[in-house]
C-alpha atoms as a PDB file:
ATOM      1  CA  UNK A   1      16.183 -19.806 -23.104  1.00  0.00           C
ATOM      2  CA  UNK A   2      17.576 -21.934 -20.272  1.00  0.00           C
ATOM      3  CA  UNK A   3      18.921 -24.456 -22.754  1.00  0.00           C
ATOM      4  CA  UNK A   4      20.848 -21.706 -24.546  1.00  0.00           C
ATOM      5  CA  UNK A   5      22.293 -20.568 -21.235  1.00  0.00           C
ATOM      6  CA  UNK A   6      23.478 -24.083 -20.409  1.00  0.00           C
ATOM      7  CA  UNK A   7      25.184 -24.454 -23.784  1.00  0.00           C
ATOM      8  CA  UNK A   8      27.002 -21.161 -23.420  1.00  0.00           C
ATOM      9  CA  UNK A   9      28.183 -22.064 -19.949  1.00  0.00           C
ATOM     10  CA  UNK A  10      29.484 -25.368 -21.280  1.00  0.00           C
ATOM     11  CA  UNK A  11      31.493 -23.573 -24.003  1.00  0.00           C
ATOM     12  CA  UNK A  12      33.122 -21.034 -21.704  1.00  0.00           C
ATOM     13  CA  UNK A  13      35.851 -23.303 -20.240  1.00  0.00           C
ATOM     14  CA  UNK A  14      37.051 -24.236 -23.765  1.00  0.00           C
ATOM     15  CA  UNK A  15      37.225 -20.597 -24.876  1.00  0.00           C
ATOM     16  CA  UNK A  16      39.027 -19.603 -21.701  1.00  0.00           C
ATOM     17  CA  UNK A  17      41.607 -22.388 -22.131  1.00  0.00           C
ATOM     18  CA  UNK A  18      42.405 -21.260 -25.695  1.00  0.00           C
ATOM     19  CA  UNK A  19      42.973 -17.685 -24.600  1.00  0.00           C
ATOM     20  CA  UNK A  20      45.178 -18.816 -21.727  1.00  0.00           C
ATOM     21  CA  UNK A  21      47.456 -20.804 -24.029  1.00  0.00           C
ATOM     22  CA  UNK A  22      47.736 -18.060 -26.625  1.00  0.00           C
ATOM     23  CA  UNK A  23      48.458 -15.123 -24.318  1.00  0.00           C
ATOM     24  CA  UNK A  24      51.614 -14.702 -22.181  1.00  0.00           C
ATOM     25  CA  UNK A  25      51.231 -14.818 -18.425  1.00  0.00           C
ATOM     26  CA  UNK A  26      50.713 -11.187 -17.450  1.00  0.00           C
ATOM     27  CA  UNK A  27      48.505 -12.126 -14.535  1.00  0.00           C
ATOM     28  CA  UNK A  28      49.789  -9.346 -12.278  1.00  0.00           C
ATOM     29  CA  UNK A  29      49.130  -6.665 -14.909  1.00  0.00           C
ATOM     30  CA  UNK A  30      45.767  -8.226 -15.687  1.00  0.00           C
ATOM     31  CA  UNK A  31      44.828  -8.229 -12.018  1.00  0.00           C
ATOM     32  CA  UNK A  32      45.823  -4.579 -11.695  1.00  0.00           C
ATOM     33  CA  UNK A  33      43.806  -3.683 -14.778  1.00  0.00           C
ATOM     34  CA  UNK A  34      40.783  -5.653 -13.569  1.00  0.00           C
ATOM     35  CA  UNK A  35      41.007  -3.985 -10.169  1.00  0.00           C
ATOM     36  CA  UNK A  36      41.207  -0.556 -11.802  1.00  0.00           C
ATOM     37  CA  UNK A  37      38.205  -1.290 -14.039  1.00  0.00           C
ATOM     38  CA  UNK A  38      36.257  -2.646 -11.077  1.00  0.00           C
ATOM     39  CA  UNK A  39      37.003   0.430  -8.978  1.00  0.00           C
ATOM     40  CA  UNK A  40      36.054   2.721 -11.840  1.00  0.00           C
ATOM     41  CA  UNK A  41      32.811   0.808 -12.378  1.00  0.00           C
ATOM     42  CA  UNK A  42      31.947   0.985  -8.685  1.00  0.00           C
ATOM     43  CA  UNK A  43      32.645   4.718  -8.644  1.00  0.00           C
ATOM     44  CA  UNK A  44      30.393   5.187 -11.698  1.00  0.00           C
ATOM     45  CA  UNK A  45      27.623   3.127 -10.106  1.00  0.00           C
ATOM     46  CA  UNK A  46      27.863   5.130  -6.877  1.00  0.00           C
ATOM     47  CA  UNK A  47      27.786   8.396  -8.798  1.00  0.00           C
ATOM     48  CA  UNK A  48      24.701   7.242 -10.715  1.00  0.00           C
ATOM     49  CA  UNK A  49      22.972   6.222  -7.480  1.00  0.00           C
ATOM     50  CA  UNK A  50      23.833   9.556  -5.881  1.00  0.00           C
ATOM     51  CA  UNK A  51      22.505  11.422  -8.921  1.00  0.00           C
ATOM     52  CA  UNK A  52      19.280   9.420  -8.853  1.00  0.00           C
ATOM     53  CA  UNK A  53      18.891  10.055  -5.135  1.00  0.00           C
ATOM     54  CA  UNK A  54      19.447  13.776  -5.633  1.00  0.00           C
ATOM     55  CA  UNK A  55      16.874  13.891  -8.434  1.00  0.00           C
ATOM     56  CA  UNK A  56      14.358  12.004  -6.294  1.00  0.00           C
ATOM     57  CA  UNK A  57      14.889  14.420  -3.416  1.00  0.00           C
ATOM     58  CA  UNK A  58      14.485  17.397  -5.727  1.00  0.00           C
ATOM     59  CA  UNK A  59      11.271  15.945  -7.159  1.00  0.00           C
ATOM     60  CA  UNK A  60       9.921  15.272  -3.684  1.00  0.00           C
ATOM     61  CA  UNK A  61      10.732  18.809  -2.581  1.00  0.00           C
ATOM     62  CA  UNK A  62       8.946  20.163  -5.654  1.00  0.00           C
ATOM     63  CA  UNK A  63       5.938  17.933  -4.904  1.00  0.00           C
ATOM     64  CA  UNK A  64       5.942  19.088  -1.267  1.00  0.00           C
ATOM     65  CA  UNK A  65       5.935  22.711  -2.394  1.00  0.00           C
ATOM     66  CA  UNK A  66       3.032  22.044  -4.766  1.00  0.00           C
ATOM     67  CA  UNK A  67       1.002  20.273  -2.076  1.00  0.00           C
ATOM     68  CA  UNK A  68       1.716  23.005   0.480  1.00  0.00           C
ATOM     69  CA  UNK A  69      -0.082  25.501  -1.770  1.00  0.00           C
ATOM     70  CA  UNK A  70      -3.191  23.334  -2.094  1.00  0.00           C
ATOM     71  CA  UNK A  71      -6.231  23.235   0.210  1.00  0.00           C
ATOM     72  CA  UNK A  72      -5.964  20.590   2.966  1.00  0.00           C
ATOM     73  CA  UNK A  73      -8.751  18.535   1.407  1.00  0.00           C
ATOM     74  CA  UNK A  74      -9.183  15.168   3.094  1.00  0.00           C
ATOM     75  CA  UNK A  75      -6.341  16.007   5.492  1.00  0.00           C
ATOM     76  CA  UNK A  76      -8.450  18.719   7.170  1.00  0.00           C
ATOM     77  CA  UNK A  77      -9.415  17.377  10.629  1.00  0.00           C
ATOM     78  CA  UNK A  78     -13.175  17.270   9.975  1.00  0.00           C
ATOM     79  CA  UNK A  79     -12.723  15.582   6.577  1.00  0.00           C
ATOM     80  CA  UNK A  80     -10.215  13.103   7.958  1.00  0.00           C
ATOM     81  CA  UNK A  81     -12.734  12.160  10.642  1.00  0.00           C
ATOM     82  CA  UNK A  82     -15.381  11.738   7.949  1.00  0.00           C
ATOM     83  CA  UNK A  83     -13.007   9.508   5.953  1.00  0.00           C
ATOM     84  CA  UNK A  84     -12.549   7.213   8.956  1.00  0.00           C
ATOM     85  CA  UNK A  85     -16.324   6.994   9.397  1.00  0.00           C
ATOM     86  CA  UNK A  86     -16.803   6.050   5.760  1.00  0.00           C
ATOM     87  CA  UNK A  87     -14.071   3.411   5.832  1.00  0.00           C
ATOM     88  CA  UNK A  88     -15.331   2.030   9.131  1.00  0.00           C
ATOM     89  CA  UNK A  89     -18.828   1.602   7.730  1.00  0.00           C
ATOM     90  CA  UNK A  90     -17.284  -0.744   5.159  1.00  0.00           C
ATOM     91  CA  UNK A  91     -14.705  -2.450   7.381  1.00  0.00           C
ATOM     92  CA  UNK A  92     -16.624  -2.675  10.669  1.00  0.00           C
ATOM     93  CA  UNK A  93     -20.268  -1.832   9.837  1.00  0.00           C
ATOM     94  CA  UNK A  94     -20.269   1.234  12.057  1.00  0.00           C
ATOM     95  CA  UNK A  95     -19.300   4.873  11.700  1.00  0.00           C
ATOM     96  CA  UNK A  96     -18.009   4.781  15.292  1.00  0.00           C
ATOM     97  CA  UNK A  97     -14.542   3.783  14.145  1.00  0.00           C
ATOM     98  CA  UNK A  98     -12.943   4.159  17.594  1.00  0.00           C
ATOM     99  CA  UNK A  99     -14.922   1.140  18.776  1.00  0.00           C
ATOM    100  CA  UNK A 100     -12.959  -1.063  16.360  1.00  0.00           C
ATOM    101  CA  UNK A 101      -9.452  -1.055  17.872  1.00  0.00           C
ATOM    102  CA  UNK A 102     -10.093  -4.468  19.421  1.00  0.00           C
ATOM    103  CA  UNK A 103     -12.104  -6.027  16.609  1.00  0.00           C
ATOM    104  CA  UNK A 104     -10.596  -9.234  15.249  1.00  0.00           C
ATOM    105  CA  UNK A 105     -12.015 -12.133  13.240  1.00  0.00           C
ATOM    106  CA  UNK A 106     -11.346 -14.330  10.244  1.00  0.00           C
ATOM    107  CA  UNK A 107     -13.965 -13.269   7.705  1.00  0.00           C
ATOM    108  CA  UNK A 108     -13.051 -16.090   5.329  1.00  0.00           C
ATOM    109  CA  UNK A 109     -11.559 -13.920   2.586  1.00  0.00           C
ATOM    110  CA  UNK A 110      -8.215 -15.722   2.487  1.00  0.00           C
ATOM    111  CA  UNK A 111      -6.330 -13.037   4.405  1.00  0.00           C
ATOM    112  CA  UNK A 112      -6.333 -14.680   7.833  1.00  0.00           C
ATOM    113  CA  UNK A 113      -7.389 -12.577  10.795  1.00  0.00           C
ATOM    114  CA  UNK A 114      -8.719  -9.096  10.044  1.00  0.00           C
ATOM    115  CA  UNK A 115      -8.292  -6.698  12.946  1.00  0.00           C
ATOM    116  CA  UNK A 116      -8.349  -3.120  14.109  1.00  0.00           C
ATOM    117  CA  UNK A 117      -9.531   0.187  12.730  1.00  0.00           C
ATOM    118  CA  UNK A 118      -8.735  -0.386   9.039  1.00  0.00           C
ATOM    119  CA  UNK A 119      -8.759  -4.171   8.909  1.00  0.00           C
ATOM    120  CA  UNK A 120      -5.074  -5.012   9.347  1.00  0.00           C
ATOM    121  CA  UNK A 121      -4.655  -8.629   8.228  1.00  0.00           C
ATOM    122  CA  UNK A 122      -2.341 -11.423   9.343  1.00  0.00           C
ATOM    123  CA  UNK A 123      -2.060 -12.548   5.725  1.00  0.00           C
ATOM    124  CA  UNK A 124      -1.308  -9.209   4.056  1.00  0.00           C
ATOM    125  CA  UNK A 125       1.791  -8.014   5.940  1.00  0.00           C
ATOM    126  CA  UNK A 126       0.271  -4.842   7.382  1.00  0.00           C
ATOM    127  CA  UNK A 127      -0.674  -6.419  10.706  1.00  0.00           C
ATOM    128  CA  UNK A 128       2.830  -7.840  11.030  1.00  0.00           C
ATOM    129  CA  UNK A 129       4.347  -4.408  10.343  1.00  0.00           C
ATOM    130  CA  UNK A 130       2.067  -2.846  12.941  1.00  0.00           C
ATOM    131  CA  UNK A 131       3.069  -5.325  15.653  1.00  0.00           C
ATOM    132  CA  UNK A 132       6.760  -5.094  14.752  1.00  0.00           C
ATOM    133  CA  UNK A 133       6.780  -1.312  14.967  1.00  0.00           C
ATOM    134  CA  UNK A 134       4.719  -1.346  18.146  1.00  0.00           C
ATOM    135  CA  UNK A 135       7.095  -3.850  19.714  1.00  0.00           C
ATOM    136  CA  UNK A 136      10.101  -1.653  18.921  1.00  0.00           C
ATOM    137  CA  UNK A 137       8.551   1.072  21.063  1.00  0.00           C
ATOM    138  CA  UNK A 138       6.947  -1.249  23.642  1.00  0.00           C
ATOM    139  CA  UNK A 139       9.007  -4.458  23.846  1.00  0.00           C
ATOM    140  CA  UNK A 140       6.986  -6.036  26.657  1.00  0.00           C
ATOM    141  CA  UNK A 141       3.598  -5.814  24.956  1.00  0.00           C
ATOM    142  CA  UNK A 142       1.197  -8.743  24.916  1.00  0.00           C
ATOM    143  CA  UNK A 143       1.496  -9.331  21.162  1.00  0.00           C
ATOM    144  CA  UNK A 144       5.291  -9.530  20.940  1.00  0.00           C
ATOM    145  CA  UNK A 145       5.401 -13.266  21.648  1.00  0.00           C
ATOM    146  CA  UNK A 146       3.315 -13.879  18.517  1.00  0.00           C
ATOM    147  CA  UNK A 147       5.790 -12.207  16.156  1.00  0.00           C
ATOM    148  CA  UNK A 148       7.466 -15.490  15.060  1.00  0.00           C
ATOM    149  CA  UNK A 149       4.047 -16.940  14.213  1.00  0.00           C
ATOM    150  CA  UNK A 150       2.947 -13.742  12.456  1.00  0.00           C
ATOM    151  CA  UNK A 151       6.032 -13.909  10.256  1.00  0.00           C
ATOM    152  CA  UNK A 152       5.305 -17.540   9.413  1.00  0.00           C
ATOM    153  CA  UNK A 153       1.656 -16.985   8.436  1.00  0.00           C
ATOM    154  CA  UNK A 154       2.320 -13.731   6.545  1.00  0.00           C
ATOM    155  CA  UNK A 155       0.989 -14.144   3.014  1.00  0.00           C
ATOM    156  CA  UNK A 156      -1.450 -16.906   3.923  1.00  0.00           C
ATOM    157  CA  UNK A 157      -4.744 -17.461   5.746  1.00  0.00           C
ATOM    158  CA  UNK A 158      -3.145 -19.783   8.310  1.00  0.00           C
ATOM    159  CA  UNK A 159      -3.696 -19.417  12.059  1.00  0.00           C
ATOM    160  CA  UNK A 160      -0.788 -21.677  12.930  1.00  0.00           C
ATOM    161  CA  UNK A 161       0.936 -20.461  16.065  1.00  0.00           C
ATOM    162  CA  UNK A 162      -1.748 -17.832  16.655  1.00  0.00           C
ATOM    163  CA  UNK A 163      -4.589 -19.915  18.044  1.00  0.00           C
ATOM    164  CA  UNK A 164      -5.962 -20.028  20.592  1.00  0.00           C
ATOM    165  CA  UNK A 165      -4.502 -16.969  22.326  1.00  0.00           C
ATOM    166  CA  UNK A 166      -3.840 -14.316  19.687  1.00  0.00           C
ATOM    167  CA  UNK A 167      -7.358 -12.891  19.412  1.00  0.00           C
ATOM    168  CA  UNK A 168      -7.629 -12.421  23.175  1.00  0.00           C
ATOM    169  CA  UNK A 169      -4.156 -10.846  23.277  1.00  0.00           C
ATOM    170  CA  UNK A 170      -5.139  -8.411  20.515  1.00  0.00           C
ATOM    171  CA  UNK A 171      -8.318  -7.402  22.317  1.00  0.00           C
ATOM    172  CA  UNK A 172      -6.452  -6.914  25.593  1.00  0.00           C
ATOM    173  CA  UNK A 173      -3.749  -4.807  23.951  1.00  0.00           C
ATOM    174  CA  UNK A 174      -6.401  -2.709  22.229  1.00  0.00           C
ATOM    175  CA  UNK A 175      -7.508  -1.451  25.625  1.00  0.00           C
ATOM    176  CA  UNK A 176      -4.199   0.407  25.951  1.00  0.00           C
ATOM    177  CA  UNK A 177      -3.874   3.983  24.617  1.00  0.00           C
ATOM    178  CA  UNK A 178      -0.383   3.193  23.269  1.00  0.00           C
ATOM    179  CA  UNK A 179      -1.665   0.433  20.997  1.00  0.00           C
ATOM    180  CA  UNK A 180      -4.599   2.535  19.852  1.00  0.00           C
ATOM    181  CA  UNK A 181      -2.177   5.300  18.915  1.00  0.00           C
ATOM    182  CA  UNK A 182       0.023   2.752  17.137  1.00  0.00           C
ATOM    183  CA  UNK A 183      -2.940   1.624  14.999  1.00  0.00           C
ATOM    184  CA  UNK A 184      -3.734   5.208  14.034  1.00  0.00           C
ATOM    185  CA  UNK A 185      -0.108   6.002  13.240  1.00  0.00           C
ATOM    186  CA  UNK A 186       0.230   2.908  11.052  1.00  0.00           C
ATOM    187  CA  UNK A 187      -3.041   3.688   9.300  1.00  0.00           C
ATOM    188  CA  UNK A 188      -1.775   7.175   8.485  1.00  0.00           C
ATOM    189  CA  UNK A 189       1.744   6.087   7.522  1.00  0.00           C
ATOM    190  CA  UNK A 190       0.769   3.198   5.253  1.00  0.00           C
ATOM    191  CA  UNK A 191      -2.609   4.240   3.860  1.00  0.00           C
ATOM    192  CA  UNK A 192      -3.945   7.719   4.554  1.00  0.00           C
ATOM    193  CA  UNK A 193      -0.947   9.971   3.973  1.00  0.00           C
ATOM    194  CA  UNK A 194       0.371   8.263   0.797  1.00  0.00           C
ATOM    195  CA  UNK A 195      -3.136   8.134  -0.716  1.00  0.00           C
ATOM    196  CA  UNK A 196      -3.957  11.771  -0.018  1.00  0.00           C
ATOM    197  CA  UNK A 197      -0.546  12.949  -1.196  1.00  0.00           C
ATOM    198  CA  UNK A 198      -0.759  11.099  -4.514  1.00  0.00           C
ATOM    199  CA  UNK A 199      -4.367  12.157  -5.080  1.00  0.00           C
ATOM    200  CA  UNK A 200      -3.387  15.799  -4.660  1.00  0.00           C
ATOM    201  CA  UNK A 201      -0.507  15.367  -7.107  1.00  0.00           C
ATOM    202  CA  UNK A 202      -3.015  13.830  -9.547  1.00  0.00           C
ATOM    203  CA  UNK A 203      -5.147  16.957  -9.208  1.00  0.00           C
ATOM    204  CA  UNK A 204      -7.993  15.309  -7.281  1.00  0.00           C
ATOM    205  CA  UNK A 205     -10.240  17.077  -4.790  1.00  0.00           C
ATOM    206  CA  UNK A 206     -11.499  15.787  -1.454  1.00  0.00           C
ATOM    207  CA  UNK A 207     -13.737  13.066  -2.910  1.00  0.00           C
ATOM    208  CA  UNK A 208     -10.966  11.821  -5.173  1.00  0.00           C
ATOM    209  CA  UNK A 209      -8.583  11.772  -2.225  1.00  0.00           C
ATOM    210  CA  UNK A 210     -11.053   9.588  -0.345  1.00  0.00           C
ATOM    211  CA  UNK A 211     -11.490   7.317  -3.372  1.00  0.00           C
ATOM    212  CA  UNK A 212      -7.724   6.734  -3.355  1.00  0.00           C
ATOM    213  CA  UNK A 213      -7.622   6.230   0.417  1.00  0.00           C
ATOM    214  CA  UNK A 214     -10.400   3.648   0.482  1.00  0.00           C
ATOM    215  CA  UNK A 215      -8.819   1.797  -2.434  1.00  0.00           C
ATOM    216  CA  UNK A 216      -5.446   1.850  -0.656  1.00  0.00           C
ATOM    217  CA  UNK A 217      -7.024   0.316   2.462  1.00  0.00           C
ATOM    218  CA  UNK A 218      -8.885  -2.408   0.577  1.00  0.00           C
ATOM    219  CA  UNK A 219      -6.355  -3.347  -2.115  1.00  0.00           C
ATOM    220  CA  UNK A 220      -3.143  -2.557  -0.272  1.00  0.00           C
ATOM    221  CA  UNK A 221      -0.233  -0.315  -1.289  1.00  0.00           C
ATOM    222  CA  UNK A 222       1.032  -2.814  -3.843  1.00  0.00           C
ATOM    223  CA  UNK A 223       2.312  -2.349  -7.388  1.00  0.00           C
ATOM    224  CA  UNK A 224       0.874  -5.566  -8.824  1.00  0.00           C
ATOM    225  CA  UNK A 225      -2.237  -5.538 -11.006  1.00  0.00           C
ATOM    226  CA  UNK A 226      -4.605  -5.902  -8.048  1.00  0.00           C
ATOM    227  CA  UNK A 227      -2.799  -3.486  -5.718  1.00  0.00           C
ATOM    228  CA  UNK A 228      -3.605   0.208  -5.441  1.00  0.00           C
ATOM    229  CA  UNK A 229      -0.719   1.398  -7.610  1.00  0.00           C
ATOM    230  CA  UNK A 230      -1.544  -1.185 -10.248  1.00  0.00           C
ATOM    231  CA  UNK A 231      -5.167  -0.035 -10.307  1.00  0.00           C
ATOM    232  CA  UNK A 232      -4.076   3.570 -10.693  1.00  0.00           C
ATOM    233  CA  UNK A 233      -1.809   2.695 -13.624  1.00  0.00           C
ATOM    234  CA  UNK A 234      -4.649   0.849 -15.349  1.00  0.00           C
ATOM    235  CA  UNK A 235      -7.041   3.754 -14.811  1.00  0.00           C
ATOM    236  CA  UNK A 236      -4.476   6.253 -16.128  1.00  0.00           C
ATOM    237  CA  UNK A 237      -4.081   4.154 -19.261  1.00  0.00           C
ATOM    238  CA  UNK A 238      -7.783   4.733 -19.954  1.00  0.00           C
ATOM    239  CA  UNK A 239      -8.338   8.298 -18.747  1.00  0.00           C
ATOM    240  CA  UNK A 240      -6.232  11.340 -17.957  1.00  0.00           C
ATOM    241  CA  UNK A 241      -6.060  12.630 -14.402  1.00  0.00           C
ATOM    242  CA  UNK A 242      -6.977  16.268 -13.732  1.00  0.00           C
ATOM    243  CA  UNK A 243      -3.259  16.853 -13.237  1.00  0.00           C
ATOM    244  CA  UNK A 244      -2.781  15.705 -16.830  1.00  0.00           C
ATOM    245  CA  UNK A 245      -5.546  17.969 -18.075  1.00  0.00           C
ATOM    246  CA  UNK A 246      -8.371  15.433 -17.886  1.00  0.00           C
ATOM    247  CA  UNK A 247     -11.835  15.605 -16.368  1.00  0.00           C
ATOM    248  CA  UNK A 248     -11.894  14.787 -12.665  1.00  0.00           C
ATOM    249  CA  UNK A 249     -15.298  13.115 -12.857  1.00  0.00           C
ATOM    250  CA  UNK A 250     -14.374  11.060 -15.928  1.00  0.00           C
ATOM    251  CA  UNK A 251     -11.126   9.917 -14.373  1.00  0.00           C
ATOM    252  CA  UNK A 252     -12.774   8.944 -11.077  1.00  0.00           C
ATOM    253  CA  UNK A 253     -15.495   7.063 -12.964  1.00  0.00           C
ATOM    254  CA  UNK A 254     -12.762   5.136 -14.769  1.00  0.00           C
ATOM    255  CA  UNK A 255     -10.804   4.473 -11.580  1.00  0.00           C
ATOM    256  CA  UNK A 256     -13.930   3.140  -9.845  1.00  0.00           C
ATOM    257  CA  UNK A 257     -14.693   0.924 -12.861  1.00  0.00           C
ATOM    258  CA  UNK A 258     -11.185  -0.542 -12.716  1.00  0.00           C
ATOM    259  CA  UNK A 259     -11.335  -0.944  -8.969  1.00  0.00           C
ATOM    260  CA  UNK A 260     -14.753  -2.608  -8.936  1.00  0.00           C
ATOM    261  CA  UNK A 261     -13.669  -5.106 -11.579  1.00  0.00           C
ATOM    262  CA  UNK A 262     -10.572  -5.918  -9.524  1.00  0.00           C
ATOM    263  CA  UNK A 263     -12.758  -6.517  -6.460  1.00  0.00           C
ATOM    264  CA  UNK A 264     -14.951  -8.932  -8.410  1.00  0.00           C
ATOM    265  CA  UNK A 265     -11.958 -10.691  -9.958  1.00  0.00           C
ATOM    266  CA  UNK A 266     -10.426 -11.294  -6.547  1.00  0.00           C
ATOM    267  CA  UNK A 267     -13.634 -12.301  -4.788  1.00  0.00           C
ATOM    268  CA  UNK A 268     -16.462 -13.317  -7.153  1.00  0.00           C
ATOM    269  CA  UNK A 269     -19.826 -12.383  -5.689  1.00  0.00           C
ATOM    270  CA  UNK A 270     -18.353  -9.710  -3.389  1.00  0.00           C
ATOM    271  CA  UNK A 271     -20.625  -6.911  -2.194  1.00  0.00           C
ATOM    272  CA  UNK A 272     -19.238  -3.743  -3.785  1.00  0.00           C
ATOM    273  CA  UNK A 273     -21.330  -1.312  -1.721  1.00  0.00           C
ATOM    274  CA  UNK A 274     -18.308   0.772  -0.761  1.00  0.00           C
ATOM    275  CA  UNK A 275     -18.052   1.702  -4.437  1.00  0.00           C
ATOM    276  CA  UNK A 276     -21.616   1.481  -5.766  1.00  0.00           C
ATOM    277  CA  UNK A 277     -23.781   2.989  -3.030  1.00  0.00           C
ATOM    278  CA  UNK A 278     -21.206   5.267  -1.461  1.00  0.00           C
ATOM    279  CA  UNK A 279     -18.454   6.662  -3.696  1.00  0.00           C
ATOM    280  CA  UNK A 280     -20.381   6.489  -6.977  1.00  0.00           C
ATOM    281  CA  UNK A 281     -23.342   8.118  -5.275  1.00  0.00           C
ATOM    282  CA  UNK A 282     -21.198  11.045  -4.113  1.00  0.00           C
ATOM    283  CA  UNK A 283     -19.636  11.339  -7.574  1.00  0.00           C
ATOM    284  CA  UNK A 284     -22.994  11.261  -9.384  1.00  0.00           C
ATOM    285  CA  UNK A 285     -24.222  14.042  -7.088  1.00  0.00           C
ATOM    286  CA  UNK A 286     -21.171  16.134  -7.970  1.00  0.00           C
ATOM    287  CA  UNK A 287     -20.125  16.222  -4.318  1.00  0.00           C
ATOM    288  CA  UNK A 288     -16.436  16.545  -5.145  1.00  0.00           C
ATOM    289  CA  UNK A 289     -15.592  18.045  -1.753  1.00  0.00           C
ATOM    290  CA  UNK A 290     -17.481  15.465   0.347  1.00  0.00           C
ATOM    291  CA  UNK A 291     -19.676  18.184   1.779  1.00  0.00           C
ATOM    292  CA  UNK A 292     -22.024  17.171   4.581  1.00  0.00           C
ATOM    293  CA  UNK A 293     -24.747  16.186   5.240  1.00  0.00           C
ATOM    294  CA  UNK A 294     -23.804  12.861   3.681  1.00  0.00           C
ATOM    295  CA  UNK A 295     -25.964   9.764   3.201  1.00  0.00           C
ATOM    296  CA  UNK A 296     -24.778   6.397   1.872  1.00  0.00           C
ATOM    297  CA  UNK A 297     -25.580   2.695   2.024  1.00  0.00           C
ATOM    298  CA  UNK A 298     -23.280  -0.145   2.977  1.00  0.00           C
ATOM    299  CA  UNK A 299     -24.318  -3.789   2.718  1.00  0.00           C
ATOM    300  CA  UNK A 300     -27.983  -2.755   2.897  1.00  0.00           C
ATOM    301  CA  UNK A 301     -27.624  -0.436   5.910  1.00  0.00           C
ATOM    302  CA  UNK A 302     -28.017   3.331   5.616  1.00  0.00           C
ATOM    303  CA  UNK A 303     -25.552   5.727   7.248  1.00  0.00           C
ATOM    304  CA  UNK A 304     -25.816   9.461   7.751  1.00  0.00           C
ATOM    305  CA  UNK A 305     -23.379  12.160   8.784  1.00  0.00           C
ATOM    306  CA  UNK A 306     -25.185  15.421   9.578  1.00  0.00           C
END
């Protein structure tokens, strides 16, 4: 295809020269016409963009109205707390998720440092976004000086420019209420709220909303094949969501199958407890509302919420 493009580009000057010789010089009229066409085209493009924006706003308003009439589900305070305990058991091996603000280590998964309450990573952009947004509100924070290095290592497992001081700076900043609040706000903005919203639009109950949330945390809010939105598209190609008239249990089974395979493809030999001995267990028991008491296993340890 590139070769064809090169040949066409080579022919264009010859064609243009022939037209120039055959047509009288009406350059002023041509310029006026071209300007008029360009202006018309720009106006059409702007109108199309405005129409698309209006349609998107109307759709969002309709979705908001639909969600407003639904039960709170995972967004209810007690269920949201339970969701953080479940995620923390997988990310930090404890249900006491508020002890994890200052956690930071490289777990060797290729994502650089993993830190904080939902495992923000230096290699997956979410940690960078967190520090950038936090720095906008608190310019003199102890992590701000690492922003150039965070931008450089984003997308890799490199520690260049971060060692040896970044981990200590993170832990020190995590002692401050403002940074703890920033972690929670970023968790909600990037992971929790989008996952719960989409799950409700797909017709999923509280368990399904958690399934989406945990997948969003682990796989990231990406549209590629291994990101959350890619996983959802693959699952929907195999099973209908409840919102499409399908069985909730069948759809969630399919989604978990797709997700587990993606986990194994990315990291062969990975422990898939967060799916197998937690979410699948709840689904098999028919606990679609994540009712307590709740018992699950994670990496061989047993957790209970009374």
